[in-house]
Amino acid sequence: MEGVEILNASGEGYQPQVHFEAWRVAMIRYAERFDRVNFYRLERHHLTDEVFVLLEGKAVLILGKECEECRMEAGRIYNVKKDVWHHILLSRDASVLVVENDDTGPENTEYHTL
């Protein structure tokens, strides 16, 4: 179809899908780093909020250095504000849509090892 791009995110981990001007849309699927047993660090982005939408499966947002847990519900929008420490934990069948600034990366992200 002309005028529409249809994408299919498959595989594991974080997968950027659409880039347009200042923003990007990505998909996160289960990977070892999103499993509770491998959880060892938080991150925060200095230039952008980050939006998460659980599409299927189970997911938990870990927020703040206190590691407060926020169980996600499918179809709800979770906007993690810029400079808020966070991480996401996923079930093996989870898919999470992510929207953030397109230039988000290690150069404007800080990491905190637990």
PDB file of N, CA and C in Angstrom:
ATOM      1  N   MET A   1       0.836  -1.178   0.000  1.00  0.00           N
ATOM      2  CA  MET A   1       0.000   0.000   0.000  1.00  0.00           C
ATOM      3  C   MET A   1       0.881   1.241   0.000  1.00  0.00           C
ATOM      4  N   GLU A   2       0.547   2.179  -0.800  1.00  0.00           N
ATOM      5  CA  GLU A   2       1.316   3.405  -0.882  1.00  0.00           C
ATOM      6  C   GLU A   2       1.009   4.302   0.312  1.00  0.00           C
ATOM      7  N   GLY A   3       2.034   4.890   0.881  1.00  0.00           N
ATOM      8  CA  GLY A   3       1.854   5.840   1.961  1.00  0.00           C
ATOM      9  C   GLY A   3       1.854   5.245   3.354  1.00  0.00           C
ATOM     10  N   VAL A   4       2.022   3.925   3.461  1.00  0.00           N
ATOM     11  CA  VAL A   4       2.075   3.310   4.780  1.00  0.00           C
ATOM     12  C   VAL A   4       3.231   2.318   4.819  1.00  0.00           C
ATOM     13  N   GLU A   5       3.927   2.304   5.923  1.00  0.00           N
ATOM     14  CA  GLU A   5       5.021   1.364   6.138  1.00  0.00           C
ATOM     15  C   GLU A   5       4.554   0.369   7.190  1.00  0.00           C
ATOM     16  N   ILE A   6       4.544  -0.886   6.865  1.00  0.00           N
ATOM     17  CA  ILE A   6       4.092  -1.924   7.785  1.00  0.00           C
ATOM     18  C   ILE A   6       5.316  -2.692   8.258  1.00  0.00           C
ATOM     19  N   LEU A   7       5.515  -2.705   9.573  1.00  0.00           N
ATOM     20  CA  LEU A   7       6.706  -3.310  10.140  1.00  0.00           C
ATOM     21  C   LEU A   7       6.330  -4.446  11.068  1.00  0.00           C
ATOM     22  N   ASN A   8       7.227  -5.395  11.213  1.00  0.00           N
ATOM     23  CA  ASN A   8       7.006  -6.524  12.102  1.00  0.00           C
ATOM     24  C   ASN A   8       8.268  -6.733  12.926  1.00  0.00           C
ATOM     25  N   ALA A   9       8.179  -6.427  14.218  1.00  0.00           N
ATOM     26  CA  ALA A   9       9.327  -6.619  15.099  1.00  0.00           C
ATOM     27  C   ALA A   9       9.336  -8.072  15.554  1.00  0.00           C
ATOM     28  N   SER A  10      10.445  -8.744  15.301  1.00  0.00           N
ATOM     29  CA  SER A  10      10.589 -10.118  15.761  1.00  0.00           C
ATOM     30  C   SER A  10      11.968 -10.253  16.382  1.00  0.00           C
ATOM     31  N   GLY A  11      12.187 -11.310  17.096  1.00  0.00           N
ATOM     32  CA  GLY A  11      13.472 -11.488  17.758  1.00  0.00           C
ATOM     33  C   GLY A  11      13.427 -10.951  19.174  1.00  0.00           C
ATOM     34  N   GLU A  12      14.597 -10.850  19.787  1.00  0.00           N
ATOM     35  CA  GLU A  12      14.703 -10.464  21.191  1.00  0.00           C
ATOM     36  C   GLU A  12      15.182  -9.036  21.356  1.00  0.00           C
ATOM     37  N   GLY A  13      14.938  -8.504  22.569  1.00  0.00           N
ATOM     38  CA  GLY A  13      15.535  -7.241  22.976  1.00  0.00           C
ATOM     39  C   GLY A  13      14.885  -6.006  22.404  1.00  0.00           C
ATOM     40  N   TYR A  14      15.635  -4.904  22.490  1.00  0.00           N
ATOM     41  CA  TYR A  14      15.191  -3.586  22.045  1.00  0.00           C
ATOM     42  C   TYR A  14      15.406  -3.466  20.548  1.00  0.00           C
ATOM     43  N   GLN A  15      14.351  -3.086  19.814  1.00  0.00           N
ATOM     44  CA  GLN A  15      14.423  -3.030  18.356  1.00  0.00           C
ATOM     45  C   GLN A  15      13.796  -1.743  17.822  1.00  0.00           C
ATOM     46  N   PRO A  16      14.598  -0.726  17.511  1.00  0.00           N
ATOM     47  CA  PRO A  16      14.046   0.480  16.893  1.00  0.00           C
ATOM     48  C   PRO A  16      13.378   0.122  15.564  1.00  0.00           C
ATOM     49  N   GLN A  17      12.198   0.704  15.329  1.00  0.00           N
ATOM     50  CA  GLN A  17      11.426   0.367  14.137  1.00  0.00           C
ATOM     51  C   GLN A  17      11.162   1.560  13.230  1.00  0.00           C
ATOM     52  N   VAL A  18      10.802   2.698  13.800  1.00  0.00           N
ATOM     53  CA  VAL A  18      10.459   3.891  13.017  1.00  0.00           C
ATOM     54  C   VAL A  18      11.246   5.068  13.566  1.00  0.00           C
ATOM     55  N   HIS A  19      11.887   5.804  12.665  1.00  0.00           N
ATOM     56  CA  HIS A  19      12.593   7.034  13.019  1.00  0.00           C
ATOM     57  C   HIS A  19      11.978   8.149  12.190  1.00  0.00           C
ATOM     58  N   PHE A  20      11.578   9.224  12.848  1.00  0.00           N
ATOM     59  CA  PHE A  20      11.044  10.366  12.116  1.00  0.00           C
ATOM     60  C   PHE A  20      11.418  11.642  12.850  1.00  0.00           C
ATOM     61  N   GLU A  21      12.177  12.467  12.191  1.00  0.00           N
ATOM     62  CA  GLU A  21      12.642  13.726  12.756  1.00  0.00           C
ATOM     63  C   GLU A  21      13.184  13.510  14.164  1.00  0.00           C
ATOM     64  N   ALA A  22      12.540  14.011  15.193  1.00  0.00           N
ATOM     65  CA  ALA A  22      13.101  13.974  16.542  1.00  0.00           C
ATOM     66  C   ALA A  22      12.662  12.778  17.371  1.00  0.00           C
ATOM     67  N   TRP A  23      11.854  11.851  16.833  1.00  0.00           N
ATOM     68  CA  TRP A  23      11.361  10.743  17.653  1.00  0.00           C
ATOM     69  C   TRP A  23      11.564   9.397  16.972  1.00  0.00           C
ATOM     70  N   ARG A  24      11.443   8.346  17.806  1.00  0.00           N
ATOM     71  CA  ARG A  24      11.509   6.984  17.282  1.00  0.00           C
ATOM     72  C   ARG A  24      10.533   6.100  18.044  1.00  0.00           C
ATOM     73  N   VAL A  25      10.095   5.060  17.361  1.00  0.00           N
ATOM     74  CA  VAL A  25       9.239   4.034  17.948  1.00  0.00           C
ATOM     75  C   VAL A  25      10.022   2.736  17.892  1.00  0.00           C
ATOM     76  N   ALA A  26      10.001   2.015  19.008  1.00  0.00           N
ATOM     77  CA  ALA A  26      10.728   0.750  19.090  1.00  0.00           C
ATOM     78  C   ALA A  26       9.838  -0.293  19.742  1.00  0.00           C
ATOM     79  N   MET A  27      10.281  -1.525  19.662  1.00  0.00           N
ATOM     80  CA  MET A  27       9.609  -2.634  20.313  1.00  0.00           C
ATOM     81  C   MET A  27      10.622  -3.295  21.230  1.00  0.00           C
ATOM     82  N   ILE A  28      10.175  -3.667  22.424  1.00  0.00           N
ATOM     83  CA  ILE A  28      11.008  -4.474  23.311  1.00  0.00           C
ATOM     84  C   ILE A  28      10.322  -5.821  23.463  1.00  0.00           C
ATOM     85  N   ARG A  29      11.101  -6.867  23.246  1.00  0.00           N
ATOM     86  CA  ARG A  29      10.657  -8.235  23.487  1.00  0.00           C
ATOM     87  C   ARG A  29      11.643  -8.859  24.479  1.00  0.00           C
ATOM     88  N   TYR A  30      11.244  -9.946  25.065  1.00  0.00           N
ATOM     89  CA  TYR A  30      12.080 -10.601  26.067  1.00  0.00           C
ATOM     90  C   TYR A  30      13.504 -10.819  25.558  1.00  0.00           C
ATOM     91  N   ALA A  31      14.434 -10.526  26.422  1.00  0.00           N
ATOM     92  CA  ALA A  31      15.848 -10.863  26.266  1.00  0.00           C
ATOM     93  C   ALA A  31      16.367 -11.054  27.685  1.00  0.00           C
ATOM     94  N   GLU A  32      17.480 -11.722  27.843  1.00  0.00           N
ATOM     95  CA  GLU A  32      18.001 -12.027  29.173  1.00  0.00           C
ATOM     96  C   GLU A  32      18.144 -10.795  30.053  1.00  0.00           C
ATOM     97  N   ARG A  33      18.509  -9.665  29.475  1.00  0.00           N
ATOM     98  CA  ARG A  33      18.710  -8.464  30.293  1.00  0.00           C
ATOM     99  C   ARG A  33      17.417  -7.911  30.876  1.00  0.00           C
ATOM    100  N   PHE A  34      16.268  -8.371  30.353  1.00  0.00           N
ATOM    101  CA  PHE A  34      14.969  -7.934  30.878  1.00  0.00           C
ATOM    102  C   PHE A  34      14.348  -8.966  31.817  1.00  0.00           C
ATOM    103  N   ASP A  35      15.111  -9.990  32.186  1.00  0.00           N
ATOM    104  CA  ASP A  35      14.656 -11.023  33.114  1.00  0.00           C
ATOM    105  C   ASP A  35      15.049 -10.608  34.532  1.00  0.00           C
ATOM    106  N   ARG A  36      14.175 -10.833  35.494  1.00  0.00           N
ATOM    107  CA  ARG A  36      14.422 -10.437  36.886  1.00  0.00           C
ATOM    108  C   ARG A  36      15.741 -11.011  37.416  1.00  0.00           C
ATOM    109  N   VAL A  37      16.078 -12.234  37.058  1.00  0.00           N
ATOM    110  CA  VAL A  37      17.299 -12.854  37.602  1.00  0.00           C
ATOM    111  C   VAL A  37      18.569 -12.165  37.106  1.00  0.00           C
ATOM    112  N   ASN A  38      18.480 -11.404  36.020  1.00  0.00           N
ATOM    113  CA  ASN A  38      19.642 -10.713  35.468  1.00  0.00           C
ATOM    114  C   ASN A  38      19.622  -9.204  35.732  1.00  0.00           C
ATOM    115  N   PHE A  39      18.655  -8.723  36.471  1.00  0.00           N
ATOM    116  CA  PHE A  39      18.483  -7.292  36.744  1.00  0.00           C
ATOM    117  C   PHE A  39      19.620  -6.796  37.633  1.00  0.00           C
ATOM    118  N   TYR A  40      20.412  -5.854  37.113  1.00  0.00           N
ATOM    119  CA  TYR A  40      21.541  -5.347  37.888  1.00  0.00           C
ATOM    120  C   TYR A  40      21.756  -3.840  37.771  1.00  0.00           C
ATOM    121  N   ARG A  41      21.015  -3.158  36.883  1.00  0.00           N
ATOM    122  CA  ARG A  41      21.243  -1.724  36.765  1.00  0.00           C
ATOM    123  C   ARG A  41      19.988  -0.987  36.322  1.00  0.00           C
ATOM    124  N   LEU A  42      20.010   0.305  36.634  1.00  0.00           N
ATOM    125  CA  LEU A  42      18.967   1.234  36.216  1.00  0.00           C
ATOM    126  C   LEU A  42      19.568   2.187  35.199  1.00  0.00           C
ATOM    127  N   GLU A  43      18.695   2.871  34.469  1.00  0.00           N
ATOM    128  CA  GLU A  43      19.160   3.916  33.561  1.00  0.00           C
ATOM    129  C   GLU A  43      18.223   5.103  33.662  1.00  0.00           C
ATOM    130  N   ARG A  44      18.721   6.257  33.240  1.00  0.00           N
ATOM    131  CA  ARG A  44      17.870   7.434  33.110  1.00  0.00           C
ATOM    132  C   ARG A  44      18.357   8.239  31.923  1.00  0.00           C
ATOM    133  N   HIS A  45      17.393   8.845  31.237  1.00  0.00           N
ATOM    134  CA  HIS A  45      17.682   9.612  30.026  1.00  0.00           C
ATOM    135  C   HIS A  45      17.588  11.100  30.357  1.00  0.00           C
ATOM    136  N   HIS A  46      18.618  11.846  30.003  1.00  0.00           N
ATOM    137  CA  HIS A  46      18.689  13.256  30.362  1.00  0.00           C
ATOM    138  C   HIS A  46      17.942  14.178  29.405  1.00  0.00           C
ATOM    139  N   LEU A  47      17.547  13.700  28.218  1.00  0.00           N
ATOM    140  CA  LEU A  47      16.928  14.591  27.231  1.00  0.00           C
ATOM    141  C   LEU A  47      15.511  14.213  26.836  1.00  0.00           C
ATOM    142  N   THR A  48      14.973  13.135  27.389  1.00  0.00           N
ATOM    143  CA  THR A  48      13.667  12.692  26.904  1.00  0.00           C
ATOM    144  C   THR A  48      12.881  11.941  27.972  1.00  0.00           C
ATOM    145  N   ASP A  49      11.563  12.062  27.917  1.00  0.00           N
ATOM    146  CA  ASP A  49      10.685  11.115  28.576  1.00  0.00           C
ATOM    147  C   ASP A  49      10.760   9.840  27.745  1.00  0.00           C
ATOM    148  N   GLU A  50      10.262   8.734  28.279  1.00  0.00           N
ATOM    149  CA  GLU A  50      10.212   7.482  27.521  1.00  0.00           C
ATOM    150  C   GLU A  50       8.850   6.841  27.787  1.00  0.00           C
ATOM    151  N   VAL A  51       8.126   6.563  26.722  1.00  0.00           N
ATOM    152  CA  VAL A  51       6.777   6.010  26.822  1.00  0.00           C
ATOM    153  C   VAL A  51       6.832   4.508  26.579  1.00  0.00           C
ATOM    154  N   PHE A  52       6.154   3.759  27.454  1.00  0.00           N
ATOM    155  CA  PHE A  52       6.048   2.302  27.340  1.00  0.00           C
ATOM    156  C   PHE A  52       4.569   1.932  27.261  1.00  0.00           C
ATOM    157  N   VAL A  53       4.238   1.014  26.346  1.00  0.00           N
ATOM    158  CA  VAL A  53       2.877   0.478  26.243  1.00  0.00           C
ATOM    159  C   VAL A  53       2.991  -1.042  26.139  1.00  0.00           C
ATOM    160  N   LEU A  54       2.476  -1.747  27.144  1.00  0.00           N
ATOM    161  CA  LEU A  54       2.478  -3.207  27.121  1.00  0.00           C
ATOM    162  C   LEU A  54       1.416  -3.686  26.141  1.00  0.00           C
ATOM    163  N   LEU A  55       1.842  -4.468  25.161  1.00  0.00           N
ATOM    164  CA  LEU A  55       0.919  -5.001  24.154  1.00  0.00           C
ATOM    165  C   LEU A  55       0.469  -6.409  24.498  1.00  0.00           C
ATOM    166  N   GLU A  56       1.413  -7.227  24.988  1.00  0.00           N
ATOM    167  CA  GLU A  56       1.063  -8.592  25.391  1.00  0.00           C
ATOM    168  C   GLU A  56       2.074  -9.101  26.405  1.00  0.00           C
ATOM    169  N   GLY A  57       1.681 -10.141  27.125  1.00  0.00           N
ATOM    170  CA  GLY A  57       2.541 -10.702  28.147  1.00  0.00           C
ATOM    171  C   GLY A  57       2.476  -9.898  29.431  1.00  0.00           C
ATOM    172  N   LYS A  58       3.536  -9.992  30.227  1.00  0.00           N
ATOM    173  CA  LYS A  58       3.609  -9.288  31.510  1.00  0.00           C
ATOM    174  C   LYS A  58       4.880  -8.459  31.550  1.00  0.00           C
ATOM    175  N   ALA A  59       4.783  -7.300  32.200  1.00  0.00           N
ATOM    176  CA  ALA A  59       5.940  -6.413  32.332  1.00  0.00           C
ATOM    177  C   ALA A  59       5.829  -5.633  33.637  1.00  0.00           C
ATOM    178  N   VAL A  60       6.987  -5.309  34.194  1.00  0.00           N
ATOM    179  CA  VAL A  60       7.075  -4.517  35.412  1.00  0.00           C
ATOM    180  C   VAL A  60       8.091  -3.417  35.168  1.00  0.00           C
ATOM    181  N   LEU A  61       7.694  -2.167  35.407  1.00  0.00           N
ATOM    182  CA  LEU A  61       8.646  -1.068  35.390  1.00  0.00           C
ATOM    183  C   LEU A  61       9.262  -0.960  36.772  1.00  0.00           C
ATOM    184  N   ILE A  62      10.578  -0.852  36.831  1.00  0.00           N
ATOM    185  CA  ILE A  62      11.308  -0.616  38.062  1.00  0.00           C
ATOM    186  C   ILE A  62      11.655   0.869  38.056  1.00  0.00           C
ATOM    187  N   LEU A  63      11.248   1.593  39.096  1.00  0.00           N
ATOM    188  CA  LEU A  63      11.378   3.051  39.106  1.00  0.00           C
ATOM    189  C   LEU A  63      12.138   3.544  40.333  1.00  0.00           C
ATOM    190  N   GLY A  64      13.044   4.475  40.106  1.00  0.00           N
ATOM    191  CA  GLY A  64      13.797   5.109  41.179  1.00  0.00           C
ATOM    192  C   GLY A  64      14.883   4.208  41.739  1.00  0.00           C
ATOM    193  N   LYS A  65      15.818   4.814  42.442  1.00  0.00           N
ATOM    194  CA  LYS A  65      16.903   4.036  43.053  1.00  0.00           C
ATOM    195  C   LYS A  65      16.379   3.110  44.144  1.00  0.00           C
ATOM    196  N   GLU A  66      15.149   3.356  44.600  1.00  0.00           N
ATOM    197  CA  GLU A  66      14.510   2.471  45.582  1.00  0.00           C
ATOM    198  C   GLU A  66      13.925   1.230  44.919  1.00  0.00           C
ATOM    199  N   CYS A  67      13.946   1.200  43.588  1.00  0.00           N
ATOM    200  CA  CYS A  67      13.459   0.074  42.784  1.00  0.00           C
ATOM    201  C   CYS A  67      11.982  -0.252  43.072  1.00  0.00           C
ATOM    202  N   GLU A  68      11.159   0.783  43.100  1.00  0.00           N
ATOM    203  CA  GLU A  68       9.722   0.587  43.266  1.00  0.00           C
ATOM    204  C   GLU A  68       9.176  -0.104  42.025  1.00  0.00           C
ATOM    205  N   GLU A  69       8.311  -1.094  42.224  1.00  0.00           N
ATOM    206  CA  GLU A  69       7.764  -1.862  41.105  1.00  0.00           C
ATOM    207  C   GLU A  69       6.394  -1.343  40.683  1.00  0.00           C
ATOM    208  N   CYS A  70       6.223  -1.166  39.398  1.00  0.00           N
ATOM    209  CA  CYS A  70       4.948  -0.757  38.810  1.00  0.00           C
ATOM    210  C   CYS A  70       4.553  -1.829  37.793  1.00  0.00           C
ATOM    211  N   ARG A  71       3.584  -2.663  38.174  1.00  0.00           N
ATOM    212  CA  ARG A  71       3.114  -3.709  37.255  1.00  0.00           C
ATOM    213  C   ARG A  71       2.316  -3.064  36.139  1.00  0.00           C
ATOM    214  N   MET A  72       2.706  -3.343  34.918  1.00  0.00           N
ATOM    215  CA  MET A  72       2.059  -2.725  33.768  1.00  0.00           C
ATOM    216  C   MET A  72       0.786  -3.489  33.383  1.00  0.00           C
ATOM    217  N   GLU A  73      -0.177  -2.746  32.865  1.00  0.00           N
ATOM    218  CA  GLU A  73      -1.404  -3.321  32.342  1.00  0.00           C
ATOM    219  C   GLU A  73      -1.422  -3.087  30.839  1.00  0.00           C
ATOM    220  N   ALA A  74      -1.853  -4.086  30.094  1.00  0.00           N
ATOM    221  CA  ALA A  74      -1.889  -3.987  28.629  1.00  0.00           C
ATOM    222  C   ALA A  74      -2.757  -2.813  28.197  1.00  0.00           C
ATOM    223  N   GLY A  75      -2.265  -2.075  27.204  1.00  0.00           N
ATOM    224  CA  GLY A  75      -3.015  -0.981  26.620  1.00  0.00           C
ATOM    225  C   GLY A  75      -2.918   0.342  27.346  1.00  0.00           C
ATOM    226  N   ARG A  76      -2.323   0.373  28.535  1.00  0.00           N
ATOM    227  CA  ARG A  76      -2.147   1.633  29.263  1.00  0.00           C
ATOM    228  C   ARG A  76      -0.816   2.254  28.885  1.00  0.00           C
ATOM    229  N   ILE A  77      -0.757   3.566  28.924  1.00  0.00           N
ATOM    230  CA  ILE A  77       0.448   4.310  28.553  1.00  0.00           C
ATOM    231  C   ILE A  77       1.205   4.694  29.816  1.00  0.00           C
ATOM    232  N   TYR A  78       2.475   4.332  29.863  1.00  0.00           N
ATOM    233  CA  TYR A  78       3.337   4.633  31.004  1.00  0.00           C
ATOM    234  C   TYR A  78       4.423   5.587  30.515  1.00  0.00           C
ATOM    235  N   ASN A  79       4.380   6.831  30.969  1.00  0.00           N
ATOM    236  CA  ASN A  79       5.347   7.834  30.553  1.00  0.00           C
ATOM    237  C   ASN A  79       6.366   8.037  31.670  1.00  0.00           C
ATOM    238  N   VAL A  80       7.565   7.500  31.492  1.00  0.00           N
ATOM    239  CA  VAL A  80       8.643   7.681  32.458  1.00  0.00           C
ATOM    240  C   VAL A  80       9.314   9.007  32.121  1.00  0.00           C
ATOM    241  N   LYS A  81       9.248   9.939  33.043  1.00  0.00           N
ATOM    242  CA  LYS A  81       9.768  11.284  32.825  1.00  0.00           C
ATOM    243  C   LYS A  81      11.292  11.282  32.702  1.00  0.00           C
ATOM    244  N   LYS A  82      11.815  12.289  31.990  1.00  0.00           N
ATOM    245  CA  LYS A  82      13.266  12.382  31.845  1.00  0.00           C
ATOM    246  C   LYS A  82      13.915  12.470  33.215  1.00  0.00           C
ATOM    247  N   ASP A  83      15.098  11.913  33.313  1.00  0.00           N
ATOM    248  CA  ASP A  83      15.922  11.880  34.525  1.00  0.00           C
ATOM    249  C   ASP A  83      15.372  10.985  35.638  1.00  0.00           C
ATOM    250  N   VAL A  84      14.386  10.152  35.359  1.00  0.00           N
ATOM    251  CA  VAL A  84      13.885   9.188  36.347  1.00  0.00           C
ATOM    252  C   VAL A  84      14.597   7.853  36.115  1.00  0.00           C
ATOM    253  N   TRP A  85      15.203   7.308  37.157  1.00  0.00           N
ATOM    254  CA  TRP A  85      15.854   5.999  37.069  1.00  0.00           C
ATOM    255  C   TRP A  85      14.795   4.951  36.765  1.00  0.00           C
ATOM    256  N   HIS A  86      15.118   4.024  35.845  1.00  0.00           N
ATOM    257  CA  HIS A  86      14.141   2.993  35.490  1.00  0.00           C
ATOM    258  C   HIS A  86      14.802   1.795  34.812  1.00  0.00           C
ATOM    259  N   HIS A  87      14.044   0.726  34.771  1.00  0.00           N
ATOM    260  CA  HIS A  87      14.381  -0.495  34.038  1.00  0.00           C
ATOM    261  C   HIS A  87      13.057  -1.214  33.805  1.00  0.00           C
ATOM    262  N   ILE A  88      13.012  -2.125  32.871  1.00  0.00           N
ATOM    263  CA  ILE A  88      11.799  -2.891  32.626  1.00  0.00           C
ATOM    264  C   ILE A  88      12.118  -4.381  32.685  1.00  0.00           C
ATOM    265  N   LEU A  89      11.226  -5.129  33.314  1.00  0.00           N
ATOM    266  CA  LEU A  89      11.331  -6.586  33.386  1.00  0.00           C
ATOM    267  C   LEU A  89      10.197  -7.174  32.566  1.00  0.00           C
ATOM    268  N   LEU A  90      10.493  -8.229  31.807  1.00  0.00           N
ATOM    269  CA  LEU A  90       9.516  -8.790  30.882  1.00  0.00           C
ATOM    270  C   LEU A  90       9.355 -10.295  31.064  1.00  0.00           C
ATOM    271  N   SER A  91       8.124 -10.764  30.844  1.00  0.00           N
ATOM    272  CA  SER A  91       7.893 -12.203  30.729  1.00  0.00           C
ATOM    273  C   SER A  91       8.373 -12.635  29.344  1.00  0.00           C
ATOM    274  N   ARG A  92       8.561 -13.910  29.165  1.00  0.00           N
ATOM    275  CA  ARG A  92       9.088 -14.422  27.890  1.00  0.00           C
ATOM    276  C   ARG A  92       8.174 -14.140  26.702  1.00  0.00           C
ATOM    277  N   ASP A  93       6.876 -13.931  26.951  1.00  0.00           N
ATOM    278  CA  ASP A  93       5.924 -13.680  25.862  1.00  0.00           C
ATOM    279  C   ASP A  93       5.564 -12.203  25.713  1.00  0.00           C
ATOM    280  N   ALA A  94       6.302 -11.312  26.380  1.00  0.00           N
ATOM    281  CA  ALA A  94       5.956  -9.888  26.402  1.00  0.00           C
ATOM    282  C   ALA A  94       6.397  -9.149  25.142  1.00  0.00           C
ATOM    283  N   SER A  95       5.584  -8.152  24.796  1.00  0.00           N
ATOM    284  CA  SER A  95       5.915  -7.171  23.761  1.00  0.00           C
ATOM    285  C   SER A  95       5.530  -5.809  24.300  1.00  0.00           C
ATOM    286  N   VAL A  96       6.467  -4.869  24.252  1.00  0.00           N
ATOM    287  CA  VAL A  96       6.244  -3.522  24.760  1.00  0.00           C
ATOM    288  C   VAL A  96       6.637  -2.520  23.683  1.00  0.00           C
ATOM    289  N   LEU A  97       5.728  -1.607  23.379  1.00  0.00           N
ATOM    290  CA  LEU A  97       5.983  -0.513  22.444  1.00  0.00           C
ATOM    291  C   LEU A  97       6.674   0.609  23.206  1.00  0.00           C
ATOM    292  N   VAL A  98       7.700   1.223  22.599  1.00  0.00           N
ATOM    293  CA  VAL A  98       8.468   2.300  23.223  1.00  0.00           C
ATOM    294  C   VAL A  98       8.514   3.495  22.280  1.00  0.00           C
ATOM    295  N   VAL A  99       8.291   4.694  22.827  1.00  0.00           N
ATOM    296  CA  VAL A  99       8.433   5.936  22.058  1.00  0.00           C
ATOM    297  C   VAL A  99       9.358   6.849  22.853  1.00  0.00           C
ATOM    298  N   GLU A 100      10.369   7.402  22.161  1.00  0.00           N
ATOM    299  CA  GLU A 100      11.343   8.278  22.810  1.00  0.00           C
ATOM    300  C   GLU A 100      12.012   9.147  21.761  1.00  0.00           C
ATOM    301  N   ASN A 101      12.846  10.085  22.207  1.00  0.00           N
ATOM    302  CA  ASN A 101      13.611  10.893  21.267  1.00  0.00           C
ATOM    303  C   ASN A 101      14.517   9.992  20.437  1.00  0.00           C
ATOM    304  N   ASP A 102      14.677  10.324  19.173  1.00  0.00           N
ATOM    305  CA  ASP A 102      15.487   9.497  18.284  1.00  0.00           C
ATOM    306  C   ASP A 102      16.968   9.511  18.641  1.00  0.00           C
ATOM    307  N   ASP A 103      17.427  10.551  19.309  1.00  0.00           N
ATOM    308  CA  ASP A 103      18.852  10.628  19.641  1.00  0.00           C
ATOM    309  C   ASP A 103      19.171  10.055  21.022  1.00  0.00           C
ATOM    310  N   THR A 104      18.236   9.321  21.626  1.00  0.00           N
ATOM    311  CA  THR A 104      18.483   8.719  22.932  1.00  0.00           C
ATOM    312  C   THR A 104      19.524   7.618  22.797  1.00  0.00           C
ATOM    313  N   GLY A 105      20.555   7.684  23.602  1.00  0.00           N
ATOM    314  CA  GLY A 105      21.623   6.691  23.536  1.00  0.00           C
ATOM    315  C   GLY A 105      22.582   6.877  24.697  1.00  0.00           C
ATOM    316  N   PRO A 106      23.681   6.140  24.696  1.00  0.00           N
ATOM    317  CA  PRO A 106      24.644   6.180  25.805  1.00  0.00           C
ATOM    318  C   PRO A 106      25.200   7.581  26.101  1.00  0.00           C
ATOM    319  N   GLU A 107      25.270   8.432  25.079  1.00  0.00           N
ATOM    320  CA  GLU A 107      25.842   9.763  25.280  1.00  0.00           C
ATOM    321  C   GLU A 107      24.931  10.685  26.100  1.00  0.00           C
ATOM    322  N   ASN A 108      23.652  10.381  26.240  1.00  0.00           N
ATOM    323  CA  ASN A 108      22.764  11.199  27.058  1.00  0.00           C
ATOM    324  C   ASN A 108      21.938  10.350  28.026  1.00  0.00           C
ATOM    325  N   THR A 109      22.458   9.166  28.333  1.00  0.00           N
ATOM    326  CA  THR A 109      21.849   8.246  29.286  1.00  0.00           C
ATOM    327  C   THR A 109      22.875   7.950  30.376  1.00  0.00           C
ATOM    328  N   GLU A 110      22.414   7.919  31.606  1.00  0.00           N
ATOM    329  CA  GLU A 110      23.266   7.593  32.746  1.00  0.00           C
ATOM    330  C   GLU A 110      22.846   6.227  33.278  1.00  0.00           C
ATOM    331  N   TYR A 111      23.809   5.454  33.778  1.00  0.00           N
ATOM    332  CA  TYR A 111      23.546   4.107  34.286  1.00  0.00           C
ATOM    333  C   TYR A 111      23.953   4.020  35.750  1.00  0.00           C
ATOM    334  N   HIS A 112      23.176   3.271  36.518  1.00  0.00           N
ATOM    335  CA  HIS A 112      23.451   3.070  37.944  1.00  0.00           C
ATOM    336  C   HIS A 112      23.448   1.565  38.225  1.00  0.00           C
ATOM    337  N   THR A 113      24.608   1.023  38.581  1.00  0.00           N
ATOM    338  CA  THR A 113      24.708  -0.408  38.896  1.00  0.00           C
ATOM    339  C   THR A 113      24.271  -0.621  40.334  1.00  0.00           C
ATOM    340  N   LEU A 114      23.445  -1.625  40.529  1.00  0.00           N
ATOM    341  CA  LEU A 114      22.914  -1.951  41.864  1.00  0.00           C
ATOM    342  C   LEU A 114      23.877  -2.839  42.625  1.00  0.00           C
TER     343      LEU A 114
END
